[in-house]
Protein backbone atom coordinates (compact mmCIF):
# COMPACT_ATOMS: atom_id res chain seq x y z
CA UNK A 1 129.06 100.35 84.47
CA UNK A 2 127.63 103.53 85.67
CA UNK A 3 125.53 104.14 88.65
CA UNK A 4 122.19 103.82 88.33
CA UNK A 5 120.82 107.45 88.64
CA UNK A 6 123.90 108.28 86.12
CA UNK A 7 122.62 105.90 83.49
CA UNK A 8 119.05 107.25 83.54
CA UNK A 9 119.62 110.67 84.62
CA UNK A 10 116.28 112.25 84.06
CA UNK A 11 113.61 108.83 84.05
CA UNK A 12 115.50 107.45 87.63
CA UNK A 13 114.98 111.35 88.99
CA UNK A 14 110.79 110.59 87.67
CA UNK A 15 110.50 107.69 89.15
CA UNK A 16 111.74 108.93 92.67
CA UNK A 17 109.23 111.63 92.40
CA UNK A 18 106.21 109.44 91.17
CA UNK A 19 106.88 107.09 94.14
CA UNK A 20 106.77 109.67 96.59
CA UNK A 21 103.13 110.52 95.74
CA UNK A 22 102.41 107.38 96.98
CA UNK A 23 103.86 108.07 100.81
CA UNK A 24 100.65 106.40 102.64
CA UNK A 25 101.39 102.90 101.12
CA UNK A 26 104.37 101.11 100.69
CA UNK A 27 104.95 100.15 97.36
CA UNK A 28 108.23 98.41 95.50
CA UNK A 29 108.66 99.32 91.65
CA UNK A 30 111.36 96.99 89.52
CA UNK A 31 112.93 98.98 86.38
CA UNK A 32 114.06 95.94 83.32
CA UNK A 33 116.53 96.93 81.36
CA UNK A 34 118.33 95.32 78.40
CA UNK A 35 121.77 93.99 78.49
CA UNK A 36 123.15 97.68 77.67
CA UNK A 37 120.71 99.14 80.57
CA UNK A 38 118.82 100.66 78.29
CA UNK A 39 115.03 100.31 79.99
CA UNK A 40 112.68 97.65 78.80
CA UNK A 41 109.93 98.25 81.92
CA UNK A 42 109.09 100.11 84.28
CA UNK A 43 106.15 98.53 86.69
CA UNK A 44 105.02 98.14 89.80
CA UNK A 45 105.17 94.58 91.40
CA UNK A 46 104.01 95.28 94.82
CA UNK A 47 101.91 97.41 96.90
CA UNK A 48 101.16 96.61 100.67
CA UNK A 49 100.56 98.21 103.82
CA UNK A 50 102.54 101.58 106.24
CA UNK A 51 105.41 99.14 106.73
CA UNK A 52 105.04 96.25 104.61
CA UNK A 53 104.96 95.30 101.04
CA UNK A 54 105.43 91.05 100.07
CA UNK A 55 107.62 90.65 97.11
CA UNK A 56 108.38 87.12 95.54
CA UNK A 57 111.90 86.69 93.99
CA UNK A 58 110.79 84.16 91.70
CA UNK A 59 108.17 86.57 90.58
CA UNK A 60 110.56 89.76 89.89
CA UNK A 61 112.92 87.12 87.90
CA UNK A 62 110.28 85.75 86.43
CA UNK A 63 109.06 88.60 84.96
CA UNK A 64 112.81 89.74 84.08
CA UNK A 65 113.12 86.67 81.68
CA UNK A 66 109.89 87.42 80.23
CA UNK A 67 110.88 90.75 79.02
CA UNK A 68 114.16 89.58 78.33
CA UNK A 69 115.37 91.77 80.93
CA UNK A 70 119.26 91.10 81.83
CA UNK A 71 119.71 93.78 85.20
CA UNK A 72 116.70 95.09 86.86
CA UNK A 73 116.75 98.20 89.35
CA UNK A 74 114.48 97.77 92.25
CA UNK A 75 112.82 101.35 93.82
CA UNK A 76 110.46 100.89 96.61
CA UNK A 77 109.22 103.87 99.00
CA UNK A 78 108.66 104.50 102.85
CA UNK A 79 106.30 106.08 104.47
CA UNK A 80 107.10 106.51 107.63
CA UNK A 81 109.18 109.05 105.13
CA UNK A 82 113.01 108.19 106.63
CA UNK A 83 114.33 106.28 103.08
CA UNK A 84 116.74 104.35 105.66
CA UNK A 85 117.00 100.75 104.97
CA UNK A 86 115.19 98.51 107.24
CA UNK A 87 117.17 94.70 108.30
CA UNK A 88 113.81 93.41 106.12
CA UNK A 89 115.40 95.12 103.31
CA UNK A 90 118.58 94.60 102.74
CA UNK A 91 117.86 90.40 103.27
CA UNK A 92 115.03 90.78 100.35
CA UNK A 93 116.92 92.69 98.31
CA UNK A 94 120.12 89.94 98.45
CA UNK A 95 117.47 87.26 98.34
CA UNK A 96 116.08 88.51 95.29
CA UNK A 97 120.06 88.95 94.17
CA UNK A 98 120.82 85.19 94.68
CA UNK A 99 118.15 84.33 92.18
CA UNK A 100 119.03 86.57 89.99
CA UNK A 101 122.11 85.87 89.58
CA UNK A 102 121.64 82.30 89.31
CA UNK A 103 119.53 83.00 85.84
CA UNK A 104 122.12 85.77 84.41
CA UNK A 105 120.40 88.85 85.61
CA UNK A 106 121.80 91.76 87.46
CA UNK A 107 120.50 93.75 90.14
CA UNK A 108 122.15 96.86 90.20
CA UNK A 109 120.47 99.01 93.25
CA UNK A 110 118.07 98.79 94.94
CA UNK A 111 116.49 102.70 95.97
CA UNK A 112 114.95 103.19 99.03
CA UNK A 113 112.60 107.02 98.83
CA UNK A 114 111.61 108.60 102.10
CA UNK A 115 110.09 112.11 102.04
CA UNK A 116 112.64 113.99 101.24
CA UNK A 117 115.20 112.09 99.90
CA UNK A 118 116.57 108.54 99.47
CA UNK A 119 119.54 106.46 99.51
CA UNK A 120 121.11 103.42 97.05
CA UNK A 121 122.05 100.33 99.02
CA UNK A 122 124.45 100.15 96.43
CA UNK A 123 125.68 103.39 97.50
CA UNK A 124 126.03 102.27 100.97
CA UNK A 125 127.28 99.41 100.23
CA UNK A 126 124.77 96.80 101.91
CA UNK A 127 124.88 95.69 98.30
């Protein structure tokens, strides 16, 4: 499988650039993919405060099932500007991975966007 950035090229870059526009407010987007890793939907799943956005694994997986998605990519911003993942980011991602895995939905990556760049939890070998 190709990595998330290689799979979507310009589309993922567009998501990253669009997400940077919301620097004052933390929010999470989910890219829903079919079995060929073709984008089905790009949806904002939660908006929050400067340092917290509620994400409910059950709702993420439920939406993936509604769309017949077989894979997802999580994308969220850090209004602080630093894309370094927090312990909460890593833990939340692992909970979503486990919930999705039970229903044969793959979580390809979780990308965190900061003011001047982004990081991939998969690239950091955190998932």
